N, C-alpha and C. Protein backbone atom coordinates (compact mmCIF):
# COMPACT_ATOMS: atom_id res chain seq x y z
N MET A 1 -62.70 17.98 -52.74
CA MET A 1 -62.09 16.87 -53.39
C MET A 1 -62.11 15.76 -52.86
N ILE A 2 -61.25 15.40 -51.54
CA ILE A 2 -61.18 14.36 -51.05
C ILE A 2 -62.28 13.81 -50.70
N GLU A 3 -63.85 13.99 -50.53
CA GLU A 3 -64.56 12.83 -49.84
C GLU A 3 -65.20 12.53 -51.36
N GLN A 4 -65.12 13.30 -52.31
CA GLN A 4 -65.72 12.81 -53.84
C GLN A 4 -65.18 11.72 -54.25
N ASP A 5 -63.54 12.15 -54.35
CA ASP A 5 -62.73 10.65 -54.70
C ASP A 5 -62.68 9.69 -54.13
N THR A 6 -62.70 9.89 -52.92
CA THR A 6 -63.21 8.45 -51.92
C THR A 6 -64.29 8.07 -52.01
N ILE A 7 -65.66 8.91 -52.61
CA ILE A 7 -66.80 7.86 -52.69
C ILE A 7 -66.53 7.08 -54.10
N ARG A 8 -66.16 7.57 -55.19
CA ARG A 8 -65.78 7.27 -56.70
C ARG A 8 -65.31 5.88 -56.61
N LEU A 9 -64.28 5.85 -55.69
CA LEU A 9 -63.45 4.70 -55.56
C LEU A 9 -64.23 3.98 -54.67
N LEU A 10 -64.30 3.91 -53.43
CA LEU A 10 -65.26 3.00 -53.06
C LEU A 10 -66.02 2.49 -53.98
N ARG A 11 -67.00 3.34 -54.69
CA ARG A 11 -68.08 2.97 -55.65
C ARG A 11 -67.52 1.77 -57.08
N GLU A 12 -66.32 2.02 -57.22
CA GLU A 12 -66.00 1.18 -58.37
C GLU A 12 -65.17 0.03 -58.00
N CYS A 13 -64.68 0.57 -56.31
CA CYS A 13 -64.35 -1.15 -55.60
C CYS A 13 -65.92 -1.79 -55.63
N ASP A 14 -66.85 -1.22 -55.12
CA ASP A 14 -67.66 -2.03 -55.25
C ASP A 14 -68.40 -2.54 -56.38
N ALA A 15 -68.34 -1.96 -57.15
CA ALA A 15 -68.89 -2.53 -58.59
C ALA A 15 -68.07 -4.00 -59.31
N GLY A 16 -66.67 -3.69 -58.81
CA GLY A 16 -65.97 -4.34 -59.75
C GLY A 16 -65.54 -6.01 -58.70
N ILE A 17 -66.21 -5.79 -57.26
CA ILE A 17 -66.82 -6.71 -56.31
C ILE A 17 -67.92 -7.57 -57.03
N LYS A 18 -68.64 -6.80 -56.77
CA LYS A 18 -70.25 -7.50 -57.42
C LYS A 18 -69.65 -8.08 -58.66
N MET A 19 -68.71 -7.32 -59.75
CA MET A 19 -68.83 -8.62 -60.92
C MET A 19 -68.15 -9.65 -60.52
N GLY A 20 -67.23 -9.65 -60.15
CA GLY A 20 -66.76 -10.51 -59.43
C GLY A 20 -66.84 -11.80 -59.13
N VAL A 21 -67.52 -11.74 -57.49
CA VAL A 21 -68.52 -12.65 -57.36
C VAL A 21 -69.50 -12.92 -57.70
N ALA A 22 -70.29 -12.37 -58.83
CA ALA A 22 -70.95 -12.67 -60.28
C ALA A 22 -70.48 -13.56 -60.77
N SER A 23 -69.19 -13.22 -61.53
CA SER A 23 -68.29 -14.29 -62.50
C SER A 23 -68.09 -15.72 -61.25
N ILE A 24 -67.83 -15.40 -60.06
CA ILE A 24 -67.20 -16.65 -59.60
C ILE A 24 -68.75 -17.77 -59.61
N ASP A 25 -69.67 -16.81 -59.67
CA ASP A 25 -71.00 -18.09 -59.31
C ASP A 25 -71.48 -17.95 -60.24
N ASP A 26 -71.19 -17.54 -61.81
CA ASP A 26 -71.27 -18.42 -63.01
C ASP A 26 -70.59 -19.47 -63.39
N VAL A 27 -69.32 -19.30 -63.23
CA VAL A 27 -68.71 -20.84 -63.31
C VAL A 27 -68.66 -21.98 -62.43
N ILE A 28 -68.78 -21.61 -61.01
CA ILE A 28 -68.54 -22.65 -59.72
C ILE A 28 -69.46 -24.00 -59.91
N SER A 29 -70.30 -23.87 -60.35
CA SER A 29 -71.10 -25.40 -60.62
C SER A 29 -70.43 -26.31 -61.68
N TYR A 30 -69.56 -25.54 -62.93
CA TYR A 30 -69.00 -26.17 -64.03
C TYR A 30 -67.54 -27.13 -63.30
N VAL A 31 -66.72 -26.33 -62.04
CA VAL A 31 -66.21 -26.50 -61.99
C VAL A 31 -65.75 -28.08 -61.84
N SER A 32 -64.62 -28.92 -62.15
CA SER A 32 -64.47 -30.43 -61.48
C SER A 32 -63.41 -30.35 -60.74
N ASN A 33 -62.81 -30.01 -60.33
CA ASN A 33 -61.16 -29.84 -59.73
C ASN A 33 -61.34 -29.00 -58.11
N GLU A 34 -61.47 -29.78 -57.06
CA GLU A 34 -61.55 -29.55 -55.82
C GLU A 34 -60.94 -28.32 -55.35
N LYS A 35 -60.01 -28.45 -55.72
CA LYS A 35 -58.89 -27.42 -55.25
C LYS A 35 -59.36 -26.11 -55.91
N LEU A 36 -59.43 -26.59 -57.38
CA LEU A 36 -59.82 -25.54 -58.32
C LEU A 36 -61.26 -24.48 -57.09
N LYS A 37 -62.47 -25.36 -57.24
CA LYS A 37 -63.55 -24.88 -56.66
C LYS A 37 -62.85 -24.39 -54.81
N GLN A 38 -62.18 -24.98 -54.20
CA GLN A 38 -62.45 -24.13 -53.26
C GLN A 38 -61.67 -22.64 -53.33
N ASP A 39 -60.47 -22.83 -54.17
CA ASP A 39 -59.55 -21.14 -54.37
C ASP A 39 -60.62 -20.18 -54.68
N LEU A 40 -61.94 -21.06 -55.83
CA LEU A 40 -63.18 -19.64 -56.29
C LEU A 40 -63.99 -19.47 -54.85
N ILE A 41 -64.41 -20.51 -54.14
CA ILE A 41 -65.21 -20.28 -53.28
C ILE A 41 -64.35 -19.11 -52.10
N SER A 42 -62.87 -19.55 -51.88
CA SER A 42 -62.15 -18.78 -51.06
C SER A 42 -61.85 -17.40 -51.27
N CYS A 43 -62.05 -17.20 -52.70
CA CYS A 43 -62.08 -15.90 -53.11
C CYS A 43 -63.06 -14.69 -53.16
N LYS A 44 -64.21 -15.46 -53.61
CA LYS A 44 -65.20 -14.72 -53.59
C LYS A 44 -65.84 -14.57 -51.99
N ASN A 45 -65.33 -15.36 -51.22
CA ASN A 45 -65.38 -15.24 -49.50
C ASN A 45 -65.17 -13.45 -49.21
N SER A 46 -63.51 -13.90 -49.72
CA SER A 46 -63.22 -12.92 -49.33
C SER A 46 -63.57 -11.51 -49.62
N HIS A 47 -64.09 -11.74 -51.00
CA HIS A 47 -64.45 -10.38 -52.03
C HIS A 47 -65.85 -10.05 -51.22
N ILE A 48 -66.81 -10.34 -50.83
CA ILE A 48 -68.01 -10.76 -49.55
C ILE A 48 -67.45 -9.92 -48.80
N LEU A 49 -66.43 -10.26 -47.67
CA LEU A 49 -66.12 -9.32 -46.64
C LEU A 49 -65.89 -8.03 -46.58
N LEU A 50 -64.82 -8.21 -47.85
CA LEU A 50 -64.32 -6.66 -48.57
C LEU A 50 -65.41 -5.42 -48.74
N LYS A 51 -66.67 -6.59 -49.66
CA LYS A 51 -67.87 -5.31 -49.82
C LYS A 51 -68.53 -5.25 -48.85
N GLU A 52 -68.49 -5.54 -47.39
CA GLU A 52 -69.05 -5.46 -46.17
C GLU A 52 -68.34 -4.47 -45.80
N GLU A 53 -67.17 -4.34 -45.87
CA GLU A 53 -66.28 -3.16 -45.43
C GLU A 53 -66.40 -1.54 -46.18
N ILE A 54 -66.46 -2.22 -47.54
CA ILE A 54 -66.64 -0.63 -48.07
C ILE A 54 -68.43 -0.48 -47.75
N GLN A 55 -69.42 -1.32 -47.83
CA GLN A 55 -70.39 -0.60 -47.52
C GLN A 55 -70.85 -0.13 -46.39
N ILE A 56 -69.78 -0.70 -45.37
CA ILE A 56 -70.07 0.36 -44.08
C ILE A 56 -69.62 2.02 -44.20
N LEU A 57 -68.34 1.85 -45.50
CA LEU A 57 -67.53 3.05 -45.34
C LEU A 57 -68.86 4.06 -46.02
N LEU A 58 -69.40 3.37 -46.78
CA LEU A 58 -70.10 3.88 -48.07
C LEU A 58 -71.37 4.52 -47.21
N ASN A 59 -72.08 3.63 -46.48
CA ASN A 59 -73.13 4.06 -45.59
C ASN A 59 -72.54 5.36 -45.03
N GLN A 60 -71.24 5.96 -44.33
CA GLN A 60 -70.94 6.81 -43.70
C GLN A 60 -71.07 8.22 -44.88
N TYR A 61 -71.42 7.71 -45.84
CA TYR A 61 -71.13 8.99 -46.84
C TYR A 61 -72.53 8.85 -47.49
N HIS A 62 -73.56 8.01 -47.18
CA HIS A 62 -75.03 8.08 -47.42
C HIS A 62 -74.89 7.70 -48.54
N ASP A 63 -74.33 7.12 -49.55
CA ASP A 63 -74.11 6.58 -50.27
C ASP A 63 -74.33 5.24 -50.47
N GLU A 64 -75.22 4.54 -51.83
CA GLU A 64 -75.25 3.20 -52.04
C GLU A 64 -74.86 2.17 -52.77
N GLY A 65 -73.49 2.96 -53.19
CA GLY A 65 -72.72 1.98 -54.28
C GLY A 65 -72.83 1.89 -55.41
N LYS A 66 -72.31 1.40 -56.09
CA LYS A 66 -72.29 1.36 -57.70
C LYS A 66 -72.68 -0.52 -58.30
N GLU A 67 -73.91 -0.65 -59.42
CA GLU A 67 -73.37 -1.29 -59.75
C GLU A 67 -73.02 -1.65 -61.17
N PRO A 68 -72.30 -2.82 -61.27
CA PRO A 68 -71.12 -3.04 -62.67
C PRO A 68 -72.33 -2.37 -63.83
N ASP A 69 -71.33 -1.84 -64.53
CA ASP A 69 -71.82 -1.60 -66.01
C ASP A 69 -72.89 -2.80 -66.72
N LEU A 70 -74.13 -2.76 -66.77
CA LEU A 70 -74.83 -3.55 -67.37
C LEU A 70 -74.19 -4.20 -68.87
N MET A 71 -73.81 -3.55 -69.43
CA MET A 71 -72.85 -4.10 -71.10
C MET A 71 -71.94 -4.57 -70.22
N ALA A 72 -71.07 -4.69 -69.98
CA ALA A 72 -70.12 -5.06 -69.14
C ALA A 72 -70.24 -7.01 -68.37
N GLN A 73 -71.38 -6.29 -67.78
CA GLN A 73 -72.20 -7.80 -67.21
C GLN A 73 -72.43 -8.54 -67.80
N GLY A 74 -73.50 -8.35 -69.25
CA GLY A 74 -74.18 -8.99 -70.43
C GLY A 74 -72.50 -9.66 -71.49
N MET A 75 -71.75 -8.76 -71.59
CA MET A 75 -70.67 -9.49 -72.50
C MET A 75 -69.89 -10.66 -71.61
N SER A 76 -69.75 -10.01 -70.58
CA SER A 76 -68.95 -11.46 -69.85
C SER A 76 -69.49 -12.85 -69.20
N TRP A 77 -71.39 -12.33 -69.34
CA TRP A 77 -72.13 -13.24 -69.19
C TRP A 77 -72.20 -14.24 -70.37
N LEU A 78 -72.01 -13.66 -71.23
CA LEU A 78 -71.72 -14.31 -72.81
C LEU A 78 -71.17 -15.11 -73.27
N LYS A 79 -69.78 -14.17 -72.68
CA LYS A 79 -67.90 -14.83 -73.32
C LYS A 79 -68.66 -16.19 -72.35
N THR A 80 -68.90 -15.95 -71.18
CA THR A 80 -68.30 -17.27 -70.28
C THR A 80 -69.42 -18.66 -70.72
N ASN A 81 -70.33 -17.96 -70.37
CA ASN A 81 -71.48 -19.12 -71.08
C ASN A 81 -70.90 -19.80 -72.43
N VAL A 82 -70.77 -18.84 -73.90
CA VAL A 82 -70.23 -19.29 -75.08
C VAL A 82 -69.12 -20.00 -75.04
N LYS A 83 -67.55 -19.72 -74.01
CA LYS A 83 -66.99 -20.98 -73.56
C LYS A 83 -66.74 -22.30 -73.08
N LEU A 84 -67.67 -21.85 -72.49
CA LEU A 84 -68.29 -23.10 -71.43
C LEU A 84 -69.02 -23.88 -72.46
N VAL A 85 -69.59 -23.87 -73.13
CA VAL A 85 -70.65 -24.61 -73.75
C VAL A 85 -69.98 -25.52 -74.67
N LEU A 86 -68.94 -24.87 -75.40
CA LEU A 86 -67.47 -25.32 -76.61
C LEU A 86 -66.91 -26.19 -75.33
N ASN A 87 -66.38 -25.42 -74.34
CA ASN A 87 -65.39 -26.48 -73.73
C ASN A 87 -65.47 -26.39 -72.10
N GLU A 88 -66.11 -27.25 -71.84
CA GLU A 88 -66.91 -27.30 -70.34
C GLU A 88 -65.66 -28.04 -69.83
N SER A 89 -64.35 -27.08 -69.00
CA SER A 89 -63.30 -27.47 -68.28
C SER A 89 -62.64 -26.86 -67.25
N ASP A 90 -61.59 -27.15 -66.41
CA ASP A 90 -61.11 -26.14 -65.31
C ASP A 90 -60.62 -25.04 -66.29
N HIS A 91 -59.57 -26.05 -67.24
CA HIS A 91 -58.90 -24.65 -68.28
C HIS A 91 -59.52 -23.98 -68.77
N THR A 92 -60.59 -24.09 -69.05
CA THR A 92 -61.28 -22.71 -69.44
C THR A 92 -62.25 -22.05 -68.48
N ILE A 93 -62.39 -22.40 -66.85
CA ILE A 93 -62.88 -21.91 -65.95
C ILE A 93 -61.47 -20.67 -65.39
N ALA A 94 -60.34 -21.57 -65.63
CA ALA A 94 -58.94 -20.62 -65.68
C ALA A 94 -58.87 -19.79 -66.16
N SER A 95 -58.81 -19.97 -67.37
CA SER A 95 -58.41 -18.82 -68.18
C SER A 95 -59.94 -17.47 -68.42
N LEU A 96 -61.33 -18.00 -67.63
CA LEU A 96 -62.21 -16.73 -68.20
C LEU A 96 -61.61 -15.96 -66.75
N MET A 97 -61.35 -17.09 -65.30
CA MET A 97 -61.20 -16.18 -64.21
C MET A 97 -59.69 -15.00 -64.68
N THR A 98 -58.68 -15.89 -65.39
CA THR A 98 -57.38 -14.50 -65.45
C THR A 98 -57.52 -13.50 -65.94
N ASP A 99 -58.07 -13.50 -67.08
CA ASP A 99 -59.33 -12.54 -67.54
C ASP A 99 -59.93 -11.65 -67.16
N GLY A 100 -60.39 -12.38 -66.38
CA GLY A 100 -61.64 -11.29 -65.07
C GLY A 100 -60.73 -10.59 -64.51
N CYS A 101 -60.02 -11.17 -63.78
CA CYS A 101 -58.71 -10.61 -62.57
C CYS A 101 -58.10 -9.39 -63.58
N ASN A 102 -57.43 -9.56 -64.14
CA ASN A 102 -56.58 -9.25 -65.38
C ASN A 102 -57.18 -7.40 -65.85
N MET A 103 -58.43 -7.87 -66.31
CA MET A 103 -59.03 -6.29 -66.65
C MET A 103 -59.57 -5.54 -64.99
N GLY A 104 -60.28 -6.77 -63.83
CA GLY A 104 -60.24 -5.77 -63.06
C GLY A 104 -58.98 -4.45 -62.26
N ILE A 105 -58.19 -6.24 -62.52
CA ILE A 105 -56.45 -5.05 -61.73
C ILE A 105 -56.64 -3.91 -62.42
N LYS A 106 -56.48 -3.95 -63.93
CA LYS A 106 -56.00 -3.05 -64.44
C LYS A 106 -56.77 -1.69 -64.47
N SER A 107 -58.20 -1.99 -64.29
CA SER A 107 -59.39 -0.86 -64.00
C SER A 107 -59.17 -0.52 -62.64
N LEU A 108 -58.38 -1.65 -62.10
CA LEU A 108 -58.79 -0.34 -60.21
C LEU A 108 -57.50 0.33 -59.87
N HIS A 109 -55.88 -0.25 -60.83
CA HIS A 109 -55.08 0.82 -61.08
C HIS A 109 -54.91 2.40 -61.34
N GLN A 110 -56.29 2.12 -62.51
CA GLN A 110 -56.68 3.33 -63.34
C GLN A 110 -57.36 4.17 -62.43
N PHE A 111 -58.36 3.62 -61.38
CA PHE A 111 -58.71 4.53 -60.78
C PHE A 111 -58.29 4.86 -59.35
N LEU A 112 -57.31 4.44 -58.89
CA LEU A 112 -56.20 4.67 -58.33
C LEU A 112 -55.72 6.13 -58.59
N ASN A 113 -55.33 5.90 -59.87
CA ASN A 113 -54.50 6.99 -60.07
C ASN A 113 -55.47 8.29 -60.57
N GLU A 114 -57.21 7.79 -60.81
CA GLU A 114 -58.13 9.00 -61.39
C GLU A 114 -58.35 9.75 -60.17
N TYR A 115 -58.33 8.69 -59.15
CA TYR A 115 -58.78 9.40 -57.43
C TYR A 115 -58.15 9.14 -56.65
N GLN A 116 -56.91 10.07 -57.16
CA GLN A 116 -56.55 9.99 -56.32
C GLN A 116 -56.03 10.78 -54.88
N ALA A 117 -57.24 11.70 -54.67
CA ALA A 117 -57.57 12.85 -53.61
C ALA A 117 -58.34 11.68 -52.79
N ALA A 118 -58.65 10.47 -52.83
CA ALA A 118 -59.38 9.31 -51.71
C ALA A 118 -58.71 9.15 -50.28
N ASP A 119 -59.41 9.54 -49.86
CA ASP A 119 -58.23 9.05 -48.54
C ASP A 119 -57.96 7.73 -48.59
N GLU A 120 -57.03 7.71 -47.39
CA GLU A 120 -56.12 6.48 -47.80
C GLU A 120 -56.94 4.98 -46.88
N THR A 121 -57.97 4.98 -46.34
CA THR A 121 -58.63 4.12 -46.10
C THR A 121 -59.16 3.21 -47.60
N SER A 122 -59.60 3.86 -48.83
CA SER A 122 -60.47 4.06 -49.27
C SER A 122 -59.48 3.20 -50.37
N LYS A 123 -58.22 3.54 -50.23
CA LYS A 123 -57.44 3.65 -51.35
C LYS A 123 -56.30 1.91 -50.86
N ASP A 124 -56.54 1.90 -49.44
CA ASP A 124 -56.16 0.74 -49.23
C ASP A 124 -57.23 -0.75 -49.65
N ILE A 125 -58.30 -0.53 -49.23
CA ILE A 125 -59.21 -1.14 -50.12
C ILE A 125 -58.88 -1.41 -50.75
N ALA A 126 -58.76 -0.46 -52.25
CA ALA A 126 -58.80 -0.57 -53.43
C ALA A 126 -57.65 -1.35 -53.83
N LYS A 127 -56.49 -1.41 -53.08
CA LYS A 127 -55.26 -2.04 -53.39
C LYS A 127 -55.29 -3.39 -52.33
N ARG A 128 -56.19 -3.52 -51.63
CA ARG A 128 -56.46 -5.02 -51.11
C ARG A 128 -57.18 -6.07 -51.80
N LEU A 129 -58.05 -5.28 -52.94
CA LEU A 129 -58.75 -6.01 -53.88
C LEU A 129 -58.21 -6.67 -54.53
N ILE A 130 -56.74 -5.19 -55.14
CA ILE A 130 -55.98 -5.55 -56.46
C ILE A 130 -55.35 -6.89 -56.03
N SER A 131 -54.98 -6.95 -54.77
CA SER A 131 -54.37 -8.65 -54.30
C SER A 131 -55.00 -9.52 -54.18
N LEU A 132 -56.58 -9.57 -53.80
CA LEU A 132 -57.51 -10.42 -54.42
C LEU A 132 -57.50 -10.82 -55.62
N GLU A 133 -57.69 -10.46 -56.38
CA GLU A 133 -57.38 -10.69 -58.04
C GLU A 133 -56.18 -11.19 -58.39
N GLU A 134 -54.77 -10.64 -58.25
CA GLU A 134 -53.69 -10.95 -58.46
C GLU A 134 -53.48 -12.66 -57.69
N ASN A 135 -54.00 -12.88 -56.65
CA ASN A 135 -53.24 -13.70 -55.69
C ASN A 135 -54.71 -15.26 -56.48
N LEU A 136 -55.57 -14.52 -57.14
CA LEU A 136 -56.33 -15.67 -57.56
C LEU A 136 -56.04 -16.10 -59.14
N VAL A 137 -55.07 -14.90 -59.82
CA VAL A 137 -54.67 -15.23 -61.01
C VAL A 137 -53.63 -16.22 -60.79
N ARG A 138 -52.69 -16.12 -60.07
CA ARG A 138 -51.66 -16.82 -59.51
C ARG A 138 -52.17 -18.58 -58.91
N ASP A 139 -53.38 -18.54 -58.15
CA ASP A 139 -53.73 -19.74 -57.68
C ASP A 139 -54.39 -20.50 -59.05
N VAL A 140 -55.11 -19.95 -59.81
CA VAL A 140 -55.35 -20.66 -61.20
C VAL A 140 -54.73 -21.00 -62.10
N ARG A 141 -53.19 -20.69 -62.15
CA ARG A 141 -52.31 -20.97 -63.37
C ARG A 141 -52.21 -22.54 -63.60
N GLU A 142 -52.23 -23.12 -62.52
CA GLU A 142 -52.02 -24.51 -62.59
C GLU A 142 -53.16 -25.15 -63.63
N TYR A 143 -54.51 -24.38 -63.79
CA TYR A 143 -55.30 -25.20 -64.78
C TYR A 143 -55.22 -24.76 -65.94
N LEU A 144 -54.02 -23.66 -66.23
CA LEU A 144 -54.48 -22.71 -67.74
C LEU A 144 -53.40 -23.80 -68.72
């Protein structure tokens, strides 16, 4: 049970990171404020480093990870592009990032509760990912 919950939690973190990085990539070219742009780039880089750590662990379990849900990806892309077409501003970007991070935080907490038998290393990774998301929400508040 420990191994299965560990793999499942790592997969969900993997998918969440891929979703977060893709979301940042979707909006970064629209950002006008240099500090906001740097905050997003820094967050993306932190996500990538955490993804590398997850991949090492998944490789130990002979698992390739998980791609984000196609429906969630499509809806996120659509929402992002429609909102940016209607209002291409740092405010809109901050709002989109806040919504995405909050959904990620909620999902990660649910996965931590669901996969309670996961090992402490994978739980720590999930908690660090939650912290990254919470920090980005805090950093973009001034643009809301």
